[in-house]
Amino acid sequence: RGPRLSPPVLAVETAGSVLPAGTTTLRLRAEDDRLDHLVVWAGTEVMDRSRATPSVRRTSDKVAWADGRRRVALDVEVPVQPGVNVYRVVAEDHDGLRTTREVYVLGDDPGPAVSGE
């Protein structure tokens, strides 16, 4: 038998699961003996309940990429939109093994400002 392969270790921390619309920071930590890269996508998720079978529509953009080393520690600023935000982080090693984490954050929409008269 050859050497045992294992995927990268990956940790993702957020400031919370419900945040005001704007931006927030994801704290990322990845480790592997042969880490190739780390990539982050940020986007939104919208459920369409207008049909008998609801569907989910996701949009996302690549917001960060980092070259691999043995360890990567990275803070990434990501947008927080009103509604459901999905942040997907993937760490891949030189053997093609991946570890993926998805973090969901509800962007709080304060609504229209009410002026006091």
N, C-alpha and C. Protein backbone atom coordinates (compact mmCIF):
# COMPACT_ATOMS: atom_id res chain seq x y z
N ARG A 1 0.83 -1.19 0.00
CA ARG A 1 0.00 0.00 0.00
C ARG A 1 0.87 1.24 0.00
N GLY A 2 0.38 2.26 -0.70
CA GLY A 2 1.08 3.53 -0.75
C GLY A 2 0.74 4.41 0.44
N PRO A 3 1.26 5.60 0.43
CA PRO A 3 0.96 6.52 1.54
C PRO A 3 -0.52 6.88 1.54
N ARG A 4 -1.04 7.10 2.72
CA ARG A 4 -2.45 7.46 2.86
C ARG A 4 -2.63 8.95 2.57
N LEU A 5 -3.56 9.26 1.67
CA LEU A 5 -3.83 10.65 1.31
C LEU A 5 -4.97 11.18 2.15
N SER A 6 -4.88 12.45 2.51
CA SER A 6 -5.97 13.07 3.26
C SER A 6 -6.20 14.47 2.71
N PRO A 7 -7.46 14.93 2.73
CA PRO A 7 -7.77 16.27 2.23
C PRO A 7 -7.28 17.34 3.18
N PRO A 8 -7.21 18.58 2.70
CA PRO A 8 -6.78 19.69 3.56
C PRO A 8 -7.73 19.89 4.75
N VAL A 9 -7.19 20.41 5.83
CA VAL A 9 -7.99 20.83 6.98
C VAL A 9 -8.38 22.28 6.73
N LEU A 10 -9.66 22.61 6.89
CA LEU A 10 -10.16 23.94 6.56
C LEU A 10 -11.11 24.43 7.64
N ALA A 11 -10.88 25.65 8.14
CA ALA A 11 -11.76 26.27 9.12
C ALA A 11 -12.20 27.63 8.60
N VAL A 12 -13.49 27.94 8.76
CA VAL A 12 -14.05 29.22 8.32
C VAL A 12 -14.82 29.81 9.50
N GLU A 13 -14.50 31.05 9.85
CA GLU A 13 -15.19 31.75 10.94
C GLU A 13 -15.86 33.00 10.39
N THR A 14 -17.06 33.30 10.90
CA THR A 14 -17.77 34.52 10.53
C THR A 14 -18.10 35.31 11.79
N ALA A 15 -18.54 36.54 11.59
CA ALA A 15 -18.92 37.39 12.72
C ALA A 15 -20.29 37.01 13.28
N GLY A 16 -21.04 36.18 12.57
CA GLY A 16 -22.36 35.77 13.04
C GLY A 16 -23.18 35.22 11.90
N SER A 17 -24.38 34.72 12.22
CA SER A 17 -25.24 34.15 11.19
C SER A 17 -26.29 35.14 10.69
N VAL A 18 -26.50 36.24 11.41
CA VAL A 18 -27.37 37.33 10.96
C VAL A 18 -26.57 38.61 11.11
N LEU A 19 -26.35 39.29 9.98
CA LEU A 19 -25.52 40.50 9.98
C LEU A 19 -26.21 41.61 9.19
N PRO A 20 -25.90 42.87 9.50
CA PRO A 20 -26.46 43.96 8.71
C PRO A 20 -25.88 43.94 7.29
N ALA A 21 -26.68 44.38 6.33
CA ALA A 21 -26.20 44.47 4.95
C ALA A 21 -24.98 45.38 4.89
N GLY A 22 -24.04 45.06 4.04
CA GLY A 22 -22.79 45.82 3.91
C GLY A 22 -21.66 44.87 3.59
N THR A 23 -20.69 44.73 4.51
CA THR A 23 -19.61 43.77 4.33
C THR A 23 -19.30 43.11 5.67
N THR A 24 -18.64 41.97 5.60
CA THR A 24 -18.15 41.27 6.79
C THR A 24 -16.84 40.60 6.41
N THR A 25 -16.16 40.09 7.40
CA THR A 25 -14.88 39.42 7.17
C THR A 25 -14.98 37.93 7.50
N LEU A 26 -14.54 37.10 6.57
CA LEU A 26 -14.40 35.67 6.82
C LEU A 26 -12.96 35.41 7.24
N ARG A 27 -12.77 34.69 8.32
CA ARG A 27 -11.42 34.29 8.76
C ARG A 27 -11.22 32.85 8.30
N LEU A 28 -10.22 32.65 7.45
CA LEU A 28 -9.98 31.34 6.85
C LEU A 28 -8.65 30.79 7.33
N ARG A 29 -8.63 29.49 7.63
CA ARG A 29 -7.41 28.80 8.01
C ARG A 29 -7.42 27.46 7.28
N ALA A 30 -6.36 27.20 6.52
CA ALA A 30 -6.25 25.93 5.79
C ALA A 30 -4.86 25.35 6.04
N GLU A 31 -4.79 24.03 6.09
CA GLU A 31 -3.51 23.37 6.34
C GLU A 31 -3.49 22.02 5.63
N ASP A 32 -2.34 21.73 5.02
CA ASP A 32 -2.13 20.45 4.35
C ASP A 32 -0.64 20.34 4.05
N ASP A 33 -0.15 19.14 3.96
CA ASP A 33 1.27 18.98 3.66
C ASP A 33 1.61 19.44 2.24
N ARG A 34 0.60 19.45 1.35
CA ARG A 34 0.83 19.89 -0.03
C ARG A 34 -0.35 20.73 -0.52
N LEU A 35 -0.71 21.78 0.20
CA LEU A 35 -1.82 22.65 -0.17
C LEU A 35 -1.51 23.38 -1.47
N ASP A 36 -2.42 23.29 -2.42
CA ASP A 36 -2.22 23.94 -3.72
C ASP A 36 -2.82 25.35 -3.74
N HIS A 37 -4.10 25.46 -3.36
CA HIS A 37 -4.74 26.77 -3.37
C HIS A 37 -5.99 26.77 -2.50
N LEU A 38 -6.46 27.99 -2.27
CA LEU A 38 -7.67 28.25 -1.51
C LEU A 38 -8.48 29.25 -2.32
N VAL A 39 -9.79 29.00 -2.49
CA VAL A 39 -10.62 29.91 -3.27
C VAL A 39 -11.93 30.17 -2.52
N VAL A 40 -12.44 31.41 -2.67
CA VAL A 40 -13.66 31.83 -1.97
C VAL A 40 -14.65 32.40 -2.98
N TRP A 41 -15.89 31.91 -2.92
CA TRP A 41 -16.98 32.47 -3.71
C TRP A 41 -18.00 33.07 -2.75
N ALA A 42 -18.60 34.19 -3.15
CA ALA A 42 -19.64 34.84 -2.35
C ALA A 42 -20.83 35.09 -3.25
N GLY A 43 -22.02 34.85 -2.72
CA GLY A 43 -23.22 35.08 -3.53
C GLY A 43 -24.48 35.03 -2.70
N THR A 44 -25.60 35.02 -3.38
CA THR A 44 -26.90 35.00 -2.72
C THR A 44 -27.69 33.77 -3.16
N GLU A 45 -28.71 33.47 -2.37
CA GLU A 45 -29.59 32.34 -2.66
C GLU A 45 -31.03 32.83 -2.53
N VAL A 46 -31.83 32.58 -3.56
CA VAL A 46 -33.23 33.01 -3.57
C VAL A 46 -34.11 31.80 -3.86
N MET A 47 -35.12 31.58 -3.02
CA MET A 47 -36.05 30.48 -3.24
C MET A 47 -37.28 31.00 -3.97
N ASP A 48 -37.62 30.34 -5.07
CA ASP A 48 -38.81 30.68 -5.85
C ASP A 48 -39.91 29.71 -5.45
N ARG A 49 -40.89 30.20 -4.71
CA ARG A 49 -42.00 29.35 -4.24
C ARG A 49 -43.26 29.53 -5.08
N SER A 50 -43.12 30.14 -6.26
CA SER A 50 -44.29 30.42 -7.09
C SER A 50 -44.78 29.18 -7.84
N ARG A 51 -43.99 28.12 -7.87
CA ARG A 51 -44.39 26.89 -8.57
C ARG A 51 -44.71 25.79 -7.55
N ALA A 52 -45.30 24.72 -8.03
CA ALA A 52 -45.65 23.60 -7.15
C ALA A 52 -44.39 23.02 -6.49
N THR A 53 -43.29 22.96 -7.24
CA THR A 53 -42.02 22.50 -6.70
C THR A 53 -41.09 23.71 -6.60
N PRO A 54 -40.82 24.18 -5.39
CA PRO A 54 -39.95 25.36 -5.24
C PRO A 54 -38.55 25.09 -5.81
N SER A 55 -37.94 26.14 -6.32
CA SER A 55 -36.58 26.02 -6.84
C SER A 55 -35.69 27.06 -6.16
N VAL A 56 -34.40 26.76 -6.11
CA VAL A 56 -33.44 27.66 -5.49
C VAL A 56 -32.52 28.18 -6.59
N ARG A 57 -32.35 29.49 -6.62
CA ARG A 57 -31.44 30.11 -7.59
C ARG A 57 -30.28 30.72 -6.83
N ARG A 58 -29.08 30.37 -7.23
CA ARG A 58 -27.87 30.91 -6.60
C ARG A 58 -27.09 31.73 -7.62
N THR A 59 -26.52 32.81 -7.11
CA THR A 59 -25.57 33.59 -7.91
C THR A 59 -24.31 33.70 -7.06
N SER A 60 -23.15 33.68 -7.71
CA SER A 60 -21.92 33.83 -6.93
C SER A 60 -20.79 34.36 -7.80
N ASP A 61 -19.84 34.99 -7.12
CA ASP A 61 -18.63 35.52 -7.75
C ASP A 61 -17.43 35.06 -6.96
N LYS A 62 -16.33 34.81 -7.67
CA LYS A 62 -15.08 34.49 -6.98
C LYS A 62 -14.57 35.79 -6.38
N VAL A 63 -14.33 35.78 -5.06
CA VAL A 63 -13.89 37.00 -4.38
C VAL A 63 -12.48 36.92 -3.83
N ALA A 64 -11.90 35.71 -3.76
CA ALA A 64 -10.52 35.59 -3.26
C ALA A 64 -9.91 34.28 -3.75
N TRP A 65 -8.60 34.34 -3.93
CA TRP A 65 -7.82 33.15 -4.29
C TRP A 65 -6.45 33.31 -3.66
N ALA A 66 -5.93 32.24 -3.09
CA ALA A 66 -4.60 32.30 -2.47
C ALA A 66 -3.79 31.08 -2.87
N ASP A 67 -2.52 31.32 -3.19
CA ASP A 67 -1.58 30.24 -3.46
C ASP A 67 -1.42 29.37 -2.22
N GLY A 68 -1.22 28.10 -2.45
CA GLY A 68 -1.04 27.20 -1.33
C GLY A 68 0.36 27.22 -0.77
N ARG A 69 0.43 26.96 0.48
CA ARG A 69 1.66 26.71 1.22
C ARG A 69 1.29 25.59 2.18
N ARG A 70 2.09 25.32 3.13
CA ARG A 70 1.71 24.31 4.11
C ARG A 70 0.51 24.80 4.94
N ARG A 71 0.51 26.10 5.27
CA ARG A 71 -0.59 26.70 6.02
C ARG A 71 -0.98 28.03 5.37
N VAL A 72 -2.27 28.29 5.33
CA VAL A 72 -2.77 29.57 4.85
C VAL A 72 -3.71 30.14 5.90
N ALA A 73 -3.46 31.39 6.30
CA ALA A 73 -4.35 32.13 7.19
C ALA A 73 -4.71 33.40 6.44
N LEU A 74 -6.00 33.59 6.22
CA LEU A 74 -6.44 34.68 5.35
C LEU A 74 -7.73 35.27 5.89
N ASP A 75 -7.81 36.59 5.93
CA ASP A 75 -9.06 37.30 6.24
C ASP A 75 -9.57 37.89 4.94
N VAL A 76 -10.81 37.57 4.59
CA VAL A 76 -11.39 38.01 3.32
C VAL A 76 -12.63 38.83 3.59
N GLU A 77 -12.67 40.05 3.07
CA GLU A 77 -13.87 40.89 3.19
C GLU A 77 -14.84 40.47 2.09
N VAL A 78 -16.08 40.18 2.49
CA VAL A 78 -17.10 39.72 1.55
C VAL A 78 -18.35 40.59 1.70
N PRO A 79 -19.12 40.71 0.61
CA PRO A 79 -20.35 41.50 0.69
C PRO A 79 -21.45 40.74 1.44
N VAL A 80 -22.29 41.50 2.14
CA VAL A 80 -23.50 40.96 2.77
C VAL A 80 -24.67 41.68 2.14
N GLN A 81 -25.47 40.94 1.36
CA GLN A 81 -26.66 41.48 0.73
C GLN A 81 -27.88 41.17 1.60
N PRO A 82 -28.96 41.97 1.51
CA PRO A 82 -30.18 41.59 2.22
C PRO A 82 -30.65 40.21 1.73
N GLY A 83 -31.06 39.35 2.64
CA GLY A 83 -31.50 38.00 2.29
C GLY A 83 -30.42 36.98 2.63
N VAL A 84 -30.48 35.83 1.96
CA VAL A 84 -29.57 34.72 2.23
C VAL A 84 -28.28 34.89 1.43
N ASN A 85 -27.16 34.92 2.14
CA ASN A 85 -25.83 35.00 1.53
C ASN A 85 -25.14 33.66 1.73
N VAL A 86 -24.47 33.18 0.68
CA VAL A 86 -23.75 31.91 0.74
C VAL A 86 -22.29 32.18 0.41
N TYR A 87 -21.41 31.73 1.30
CA TYR A 87 -19.96 31.85 1.09
C TYR A 87 -19.41 30.43 1.00
N ARG A 88 -18.79 30.13 -0.13
CA ARG A 88 -18.23 28.79 -0.35
C ARG A 88 -16.72 28.89 -0.41
N VAL A 89 -16.05 28.12 0.44
CA VAL A 89 -14.59 28.13 0.52
C VAL A 89 -14.09 26.73 0.18
N VAL A 90 -13.12 26.66 -0.73
CA VAL A 90 -12.56 25.38 -1.16
C VAL A 90 -11.04 25.42 -0.99
N ALA A 91 -10.50 24.42 -0.30
CA ALA A 91 -9.05 24.23 -0.19
C ALA A 91 -8.72 22.96 -0.97
N GLU A 92 -7.76 23.04 -1.88
CA GLU A 92 -7.39 21.88 -2.69
C GLU A 92 -5.89 21.64 -2.57
N ASP A 93 -5.51 20.36 -2.45
CA ASP A 93 -4.09 20.05 -2.34
C ASP A 93 -3.54 19.59 -3.70
N HIS A 94 -2.23 19.32 -3.75
CA HIS A 94 -1.58 18.94 -5.01
C HIS A 94 -2.04 17.59 -5.53
N ASP A 95 -2.69 16.78 -4.70
CA ASP A 95 -3.21 15.48 -5.13
C ASP A 95 -4.63 15.59 -5.67
N GLY A 96 -5.20 16.81 -5.67
CA GLY A 96 -6.56 17.01 -6.16
C GLY A 96 -7.63 16.77 -5.12
N LEU A 97 -7.25 16.54 -3.88
CA LEU A 97 -8.24 16.35 -2.81
C LEU A 97 -8.72 17.72 -2.33
N ARG A 98 -10.03 17.81 -2.12
CA ARG A 98 -10.64 19.10 -1.73
C ARG A 98 -11.40 18.98 -0.42
N THR A 99 -11.41 20.09 0.28
CA THR A 99 -12.29 20.27 1.43
C THR A 99 -13.10 21.53 1.15
N THR A 100 -14.42 21.43 1.30
CA THR A 100 -15.32 22.54 1.00
C THR A 100 -16.13 22.87 2.24
N ARG A 101 -16.28 24.15 2.51
CA ARG A 101 -17.16 24.63 3.57
C ARG A 101 -18.09 25.67 2.97
N GLU A 102 -19.37 25.56 3.30
CA GLU A 102 -20.34 26.59 2.92
C GLU A 102 -20.86 27.23 4.20
N VAL A 103 -20.88 28.55 4.20
CA VAL A 103 -21.37 29.31 5.34
C VAL A 103 -22.54 30.15 4.86
N TYR A 104 -23.63 30.12 5.61
CA TYR A 104 -24.82 30.89 5.28
C TYR A 104 -24.96 32.03 6.28
N VAL A 105 -25.20 33.23 5.76
CA VAL A 105 -25.40 34.41 6.60
C VAL A 105 -26.65 35.12 6.11
N LEU A 106 -27.55 35.45 7.01
CA LEU A 106 -28.74 36.21 6.66
C LEU A 106 -28.41 37.69 6.73
N GLY A 107 -28.53 38.36 5.60
CA GLY A 107 -28.30 39.80 5.56
C GLY A 107 -29.57 40.51 5.99
N ASP A 108 -29.47 41.25 7.07
CA ASP A 108 -30.62 41.94 7.64
C ASP A 108 -30.87 43.22 6.86
N ASP A 109 -32.06 43.35 6.32
CA ASP A 109 -32.44 44.55 5.58
C ASP A 109 -33.20 45.47 6.54
N PRO A 110 -32.60 46.62 6.87
CA PRO A 110 -33.25 47.51 7.83
C PRO A 110 -34.53 48.14 7.29
N GLY A 111 -34.79 48.01 6.00
CA GLY A 111 -35.98 48.61 5.42
C GLY A 111 -35.80 50.09 5.20
N PRO A 112 -36.84 50.74 4.69
CA PRO A 112 -36.71 52.18 4.41
C PRO A 112 -36.60 52.99 5.71
N ALA A 113 -35.81 54.02 5.64
CA ALA A 113 -35.67 54.90 6.80
C ALA A 113 -36.95 55.68 7.01
N VAL A 114 -37.34 55.82 8.25
CA VAL A 114 -38.54 56.57 8.59
C VAL A 114 -38.09 57.88 9.23
N SER A 115 -38.51 58.98 8.64
CA SER A 115 -38.10 60.25 9.21
C SER A 115 -39.12 60.69 10.25
N GLY A 116 -38.61 61.20 11.34
CA GLY A 116 -39.49 61.67 12.41
C GLY A 116 -39.77 63.16 12.20
N GLU A 117 -41.04 63.49 12.22
CA GLU A 117 -41.39 64.90 12.02
C GLU A 117 -41.89 65.49 13.29
